[in-house]
Amino acid sequence: MTPKILSMQFSRSAKYLLSSKKILFGTIIVTGLILISILAPIIAPFDPNQQNRKAPYDPPFWFSEGSTEHILGTDSLGRDVFSRLIYSSQAAVYVAVVGTIFTALIGSAVGVLAGYYRGRVDEVNMRIVDAWMSFPAVLLSIALISILGVGLQNVALAVIVVDWSRFARVIRSETLNIREEDYIQAARSLGFSDFKIIRKEILPNLVPILTVIVTIEMSIAITVEVLLSYVGLGVKAFTPSWGSMIAEGMGYVQTNWWVATFPMITLILVILSINILGEGAREKLDPKIQTN
């Protein structure tokens, strides 16, 4: 297949997907978040850790005491809230991307093998999954971070270690259904190898459900990073995070509400956008929905 044909197919697929308002809205927000995290040093007006002890808790610019220099105000150390919001997106994007990619790869591999081969392979894998899922996810994450230490890499690792079993269970269930379809039996009768059946027939039909759980996992990964940073077990000191911003601002939320409110609003908007994107993709990609 020539690059020109591939380009035309990609263009048609993108146009088809973006015809959904949910996908379009979610894509705009998620793409914007990624671009902001990459361009943070360029678009942020201040260094996120730059302190101004003469201007603690300056309100947003629309208040009479505020200024356009700090459009969303400052925190207790006089650090610019807007700049810290921008830089905090780097932590969220890193954990969401790295954590979700490896969680999906590991969990999907286990789920596909268990669902396709069934029998002893399925029994062994699912017993491991059941045992792993019996641990409370939050407590397991905190325990892992306590052992590994704080830092974005360790937060992403905690997401992978805790959540791979969720992918495995869902993908295994879906694979069990797909392997009984007539076209799978036809592929076997034609002499297709197990690897070819999985690659050509199983995996493409897992795309709709994978799309949904990947977006859900991205939301979970961001939430985990924020929660761990909120309790001081996420990012390292002086690394901006929405969680640490919320934690700092909660003690003064009645008087200096902007410190905690803006990262809360940002977090809610991002998670809702990711979920809307996943729902829109499922509606467009799931053949069961398309036929109804």
Protein backbone atom coordinates (compact mmCIF):
# COMPACT_ATOMS: atom_id res chain seq x y z
CA MET A 1 0.00 0.00 0.00
CA THR A 2 1.51 3.31 -1.12
CA PRO A 3 2.02 6.29 1.23
CA LYS A 4 -0.54 8.24 -0.82
CA ILE A 5 -3.24 5.60 -0.26
CA LEU A 6 -2.38 5.38 3.44
CA SER A 7 -2.61 9.16 3.70
CA MET A 8 -6.02 9.17 2.00
CA GLN A 9 -7.31 6.41 4.30
CA PHE A 10 -6.03 8.23 7.38
CA SER A 11 -7.67 11.45 6.19
CA ARG A 12 -11.03 9.72 5.65
CA SER A 13 -10.82 7.98 9.04
CA ALA A 14 -9.95 11.22 10.82
CA LYS A 15 -12.81 13.05 9.08
CA TYR A 16 -15.23 10.27 10.04
CA LEU A 17 -14.17 10.29 13.70
CA LEU A 18 -14.09 14.09 14.02
CA SER A 19 -17.65 14.29 12.68
CA SER A 20 -18.63 13.34 16.24
CA LYS A 21 -19.00 16.43 18.44
CA LYS A 22 -17.87 14.40 21.45
CA ILE A 23 -14.67 13.30 19.74
CA LEU A 24 -14.03 16.79 18.41
CA PHE A 25 -14.50 18.43 21.82
CA GLY A 26 -12.44 15.80 23.65
CA THR A 27 -9.68 15.89 21.04
CA ILE A 28 -9.40 19.68 21.23
CA ILE A 29 -9.07 19.66 25.03
CA VAL A 30 -6.69 16.67 25.19
CA THR A 31 -4.53 17.97 22.33
CA GLY A 32 -4.47 21.38 23.97
CA LEU A 33 -3.36 19.81 27.27
CA ILE A 34 -0.51 17.96 25.57
CA LEU A 35 0.62 21.07 23.69
CA ILE A 36 0.48 23.14 26.87
CA SER A 37 2.63 20.59 28.70
CA ILE A 38 5.20 20.62 25.89
CA LEU A 39 5.24 24.40 25.46
CA ALA A 40 5.04 25.25 29.17
CA PRO A 41 8.47 26.96 29.28
CA ILE A 42 7.39 29.20 26.40
CA ILE A 43 3.81 30.10 27.31
CA ALA A 44 4.08 30.34 31.12
CA PRO A 45 4.75 33.96 32.13
CA PHE A 46 6.79 32.97 35.22
CA ASP A 47 8.94 30.16 36.52
CA PRO A 48 6.53 27.97 38.54
CA ASN A 49 8.76 28.15 41.61
CA GLN A 50 9.60 31.85 41.39
CA GLN A 51 8.62 33.41 44.71
CA ASN A 52 7.56 36.96 45.48
CA ARG A 53 7.29 37.34 49.23
CA LYS A 54 5.92 40.86 48.74
CA ALA A 55 2.85 39.55 46.91
CA PRO A 56 1.46 36.50 48.75
CA TYR A 57 -2.15 35.66 47.97
CA ASP A 58 -2.65 38.33 45.35
CA PRO A 59 -6.18 37.79 43.97
CA PRO A 60 -6.98 37.26 40.26
CA PHE A 61 -6.77 40.28 37.98
CA TRP A 62 -10.51 41.06 37.97
CA PHE A 63 -10.42 41.96 41.66
CA SER A 64 -9.55 45.52 42.56
CA GLU A 65 -6.50 44.30 44.52
CA GLY A 66 -5.38 42.06 41.66
CA SER A 67 -3.11 42.83 38.71
CA THR A 68 -2.70 41.68 35.12
CA GLU A 69 0.82 40.53 36.01
CA HIS A 70 -0.67 37.55 37.86
CA ILE A 71 -3.94 36.95 36.03
CA LEU A 72 -5.05 34.09 38.31
CA GLY A 73 -3.41 35.43 41.44
CA THR A 74 -0.58 34.06 43.56
CA ASP A 75 -0.21 31.50 46.33
CA SER A 76 1.18 31.77 49.86
CA LEU A 77 4.75 32.21 48.55
CA GLY A 78 3.79 34.68 45.86
CA ARG A 79 4.16 32.13 43.07
CA ASP A 80 2.08 32.71 39.96
CA VAL A 81 -0.96 30.38 39.98
CA PHE A 82 -1.41 30.52 36.19
CA SER A 83 2.21 29.48 35.54
CA ARG A 84 1.94 26.66 38.07
CA LEU A 85 -1.26 25.44 36.42
CA ILE A 86 0.52 25.29 33.07
CA TYR A 87 3.59 23.47 34.39
CA SER A 88 1.43 21.05 36.40
CA SER A 89 0.04 19.72 33.11
CA GLN A 90 3.45 18.10 32.50
CA ALA A 91 3.01 15.77 35.48
CA ALA A 92 -0.54 14.88 34.45
CA VAL A 93 0.36 14.18 30.82
CA TYR A 94 3.46 12.14 31.71
CA VAL A 95 1.61 9.82 34.10
CA ALA A 96 -1.42 9.54 31.80
CA VAL A 97 0.61 8.66 28.70
CA VAL A 98 3.34 6.46 30.18
CA GLY A 99 1.11 4.78 32.73
CA THR A 100 -1.70 4.06 30.26
CA ILE A 101 0.53 2.78 27.45
CA PHE A 102 2.30 0.17 29.56
CA THR A 103 -0.84 -0.72 31.51
CA ALA A 104 -2.68 -1.36 28.24
CA LEU A 105 0.17 -3.38 26.72
CA ILE A 106 0.64 -5.66 29.72
CA GLY A 107 -3.03 -6.07 30.60
CA SER A 108 -4.14 -6.59 27.00
CA ALA A 109 -1.46 -9.20 26.36
CA VAL A 110 -2.53 -11.18 29.43
CA GLY A 111 -6.23 -10.80 28.57
CA VAL A 112 -5.89 -11.85 24.93
CA LEU A 113 -3.80 -14.93 25.76
CA ALA A 114 -6.19 -15.98 28.53
CA GLY A 115 -9.31 -15.44 26.41
CA TYR A 116 -7.98 -17.01 23.24
CA TYR A 117 -6.31 -20.13 24.64
CA ARG A 118 -8.70 -20.63 27.58
CA GLY A 119 -8.13 -23.80 29.63
CA ARG A 120 -5.05 -23.85 31.83
CA VAL A 121 -3.68 -20.58 30.46
CA ASP A 122 -6.94 -18.80 31.27
CA GLU A 123 -7.20 -20.38 34.71
CA VAL A 124 -3.67 -19.46 35.77
CA ASN A 125 -3.85 -15.90 34.43
CA MET A 126 -7.25 -15.18 35.93
CA ARG A 127 -6.25 -16.53 39.33
CA ILE A 128 -3.34 -14.08 39.29
CA VAL A 129 -5.66 -11.27 38.19
CA ASP A 130 -8.22 -12.11 40.89
CA ALA A 131 -5.53 -12.19 43.56
CA TRP A 132 -4.07 -8.89 42.36
CA MET A 133 -7.46 -7.15 42.22
CA SER A 134 -8.24 -8.23 45.78
CA PHE A 135 -5.79 -5.60 47.05
CA PRO A 136 -7.35 -2.13 47.53
CA ALA A 137 -5.99 -0.04 44.65
CA VAL A 138 -5.40 3.14 46.66
CA LEU A 139 -3.62 1.35 49.50
CA LEU A 140 -1.49 -0.62 47.04
CA SER A 141 -0.50 2.59 45.25
CA ILE A 142 0.45 4.29 48.51
CA ALA A 143 2.42 1.22 49.61
CA LEU A 144 4.34 1.11 46.33
CA ILE A 145 5.18 4.81 46.46
CA SER A 146 6.26 4.45 50.09
CA ILE A 147 8.69 1.73 49.01
CA LEU A 148 9.86 3.28 45.72
CA GLY A 149 9.86 6.90 46.81
CA VAL A 150 8.17 9.95 45.34
CA GLY A 151 8.62 10.98 41.72
CA LEU A 152 6.70 10.94 38.45
CA GLN A 153 8.35 7.75 37.22
CA ASN A 154 7.33 5.92 40.38
CA VAL A 155 3.77 7.27 40.19
CA ALA A 156 3.52 5.97 36.60
CA LEU A 157 4.97 2.63 37.73
CA ALA A 158 2.40 2.43 40.52
CA VAL A 159 -0.40 3.01 37.99
CA ILE A 160 0.96 0.20 35.80
CA VAL A 161 1.41 -2.27 38.65
CA VAL A 162 -2.04 -1.60 40.10
CA ASP A 163 -4.18 -1.26 36.96
CA TRP A 164 -2.89 -3.86 34.46
CA SER A 165 -5.34 -6.39 35.93
CA ARG A 166 -8.32 -4.20 34.99
CA PHE A 167 -7.29 -4.33 31.33
CA ALA A 168 -6.63 -8.06 31.54
CA ARG A 169 -10.10 -8.87 32.86
CA VAL A 170 -11.99 -6.73 30.34
CA ILE A 171 -9.93 -7.80 27.33
CA ARG A 172 -10.12 -11.47 28.34
CA SER A 173 -13.93 -11.29 28.48
CA GLU A 174 -14.14 -9.59 25.09
CA THR A 175 -11.68 -12.06 23.54
CA LEU A 176 -13.75 -15.00 24.78
CA ASN A 177 -16.74 -13.62 22.86
CA ILE A 178 -14.79 -12.81 19.70
CA ARG A 179 -13.08 -16.20 19.45
CA GLU A 180 -16.47 -17.91 19.06
CA GLU A 181 -17.46 -15.83 16.03
CA ASP A 182 -17.87 -17.58 12.69
CA TYR A 183 -15.05 -15.67 11.01
CA ILE A 184 -12.61 -16.95 13.65
CA GLN A 185 -13.69 -20.52 12.94
CA ALA A 186 -13.31 -19.84 9.22
CA ALA A 187 -9.79 -18.52 9.76
CA ARG A 188 -8.88 -21.68 11.67
CA SER A 189 -10.29 -23.88 8.90
CA LEU A 190 -8.12 -22.00 6.40
CA GLY A 191 -5.05 -22.93 8.40
CA PHE A 192 -4.28 -19.53 9.92
CA SER A 193 -1.80 -19.68 12.79
CA ASP A 194 -2.85 -18.56 16.26
CA PHE A 195 -0.59 -15.53 15.97
CA LYS A 196 -2.15 -14.51 12.65
CA ILE A 197 -5.69 -14.97 13.97
CA ILE A 198 -4.91 -12.84 17.02
CA ARG A 199 -3.20 -10.15 14.93
CA LYS A 200 -5.63 -10.07 12.01
CA GLU A 201 -8.96 -10.97 13.60
CA ILE A 202 -8.89 -10.56 17.38
CA LEU A 203 -6.96 -7.34 17.89
CA PRO A 204 -8.84 -5.20 15.30
CA ASN A 205 -12.13 -6.15 16.94
CA LEU A 206 -10.79 -5.14 20.34
CA VAL A 207 -10.19 -1.54 19.20
CA PRO A 208 -13.59 -0.16 20.34
CA ILE A 209 -13.39 -1.57 23.86
CA LEU A 210 -9.68 -0.72 24.08
CA THR A 211 -10.43 2.87 23.12
CA VAL A 212 -12.92 3.18 25.95
CA ILE A 213 -10.80 1.61 28.67
CA VAL A 214 -7.69 3.49 27.52
CA THR A 215 -9.47 6.79 27.98
CA ILE A 216 -10.84 5.64 31.33
CA GLU A 217 -7.34 4.62 32.37
CA MET A 218 -5.94 8.01 31.37
CA SER A 219 -8.48 9.66 33.65
CA ILE A 220 -7.61 7.24 36.46
CA ALA A 221 -3.87 7.82 36.00
CA ILE A 222 -4.27 11.60 36.21
CA THR A 223 -6.51 11.24 39.27
CA VAL A 224 -3.99 8.94 40.97
CA GLU A 225 -1.18 11.43 40.34
CA VAL A 226 -3.29 14.26 41.76
CA LEU A 227 -4.35 12.24 44.82
CA LEU A 228 -0.83 11.08 45.60
CA SER A 229 0.53 14.60 45.16
CA TYR A 230 -2.28 15.90 47.37
CA VAL A 231 -1.04 13.74 50.26
CA GLY A 232 2.62 14.43 49.49
CA LEU A 233 3.43 11.07 47.87
CA GLY A 234 3.36 12.06 44.21
CA VAL A 235 5.76 14.49 42.60
CA LYS A 236 9.02 15.58 44.17
CA ALA A 237 9.34 18.87 46.00
CA PHE A 238 9.27 21.94 43.73
CA THR A 239 7.64 19.95 40.91
CA PRO A 240 4.28 21.63 40.16
CA SER A 241 1.21 19.42 40.38
CA TRP A 242 -2.51 20.11 40.53
CA GLY A 243 -2.67 17.86 43.58
CA SER A 244 -0.07 19.80 45.57
CA MET A 245 -1.70 23.09 44.52
CA ILE A 246 -5.08 21.88 45.78
CA ALA A 247 -3.53 20.63 49.04
CA GLU A 248 -1.86 23.97 49.68
CA GLY A 249 -4.97 25.98 48.89
CA MET A 250 -7.48 23.92 50.87
CA GLY A 251 -6.35 25.39 54.17
CA TYR A 252 -7.28 28.89 52.98
CA VAL A 253 -10.11 28.12 50.60
CA GLN A 254 -12.56 30.49 52.30
CA THR A 255 -10.29 33.51 52.07
CA ASN A 256 -7.91 32.75 49.19
CA TRP A 257 -10.07 30.40 47.17
CA TRP A 258 -8.26 30.79 43.82
CA VAL A 259 -5.21 28.73 44.87
CA ALA A 260 -7.24 25.50 45.12
CA THR A 261 -10.18 26.33 42.86
CA PHE A 262 -8.37 26.80 39.54
CA PRO A 263 -6.49 23.46 39.67
CA MET A 264 -9.77 21.76 40.69
CA ILE A 265 -11.58 23.27 37.70
CA THR A 266 -8.72 22.29 35.38
CA LEU A 267 -8.70 18.71 36.69
CA ILE A 268 -12.47 18.34 36.27
CA LEU A 269 -12.38 19.77 32.74
CA VAL A 270 -9.54 17.45 31.67
CA ILE A 271 -11.12 14.29 33.09
CA LEU A 272 -14.55 15.09 31.64
CA SER A 273 -12.99 15.80 28.24
CA ILE A 274 -11.08 12.51 28.22
CA ASN A 275 -14.23 10.59 29.15
CA ILE A 276 -16.26 12.39 26.48
CA LEU A 277 -13.57 11.55 23.92
CA GLY A 278 -13.70 7.88 24.88
CA GLU A 279 -17.50 7.76 24.73
CA GLY A 280 -17.53 9.44 21.32
CA ALA A 281 -14.91 7.03 19.98
CA ARG A 282 -16.88 4.04 21.24
CA GLU A 283 -20.03 5.28 19.52
CA LYS A 284 -18.15 5.67 16.25
CA LEU A 285 -16.08 2.48 16.37
CA ASP A 286 -18.37 -0.09 18.02
CA PRO A 287 -20.24 -1.96 15.28
CA LYS A 288 -22.95 -3.02 17.75
CA ILE A 289 -23.86 0.63 18.32
CA GLN A 290 -23.63 1.44 14.61
CA THR A 291 -26.17 -1.25 13.71
CA ASN A 292 -28.72 -0.08 16.31
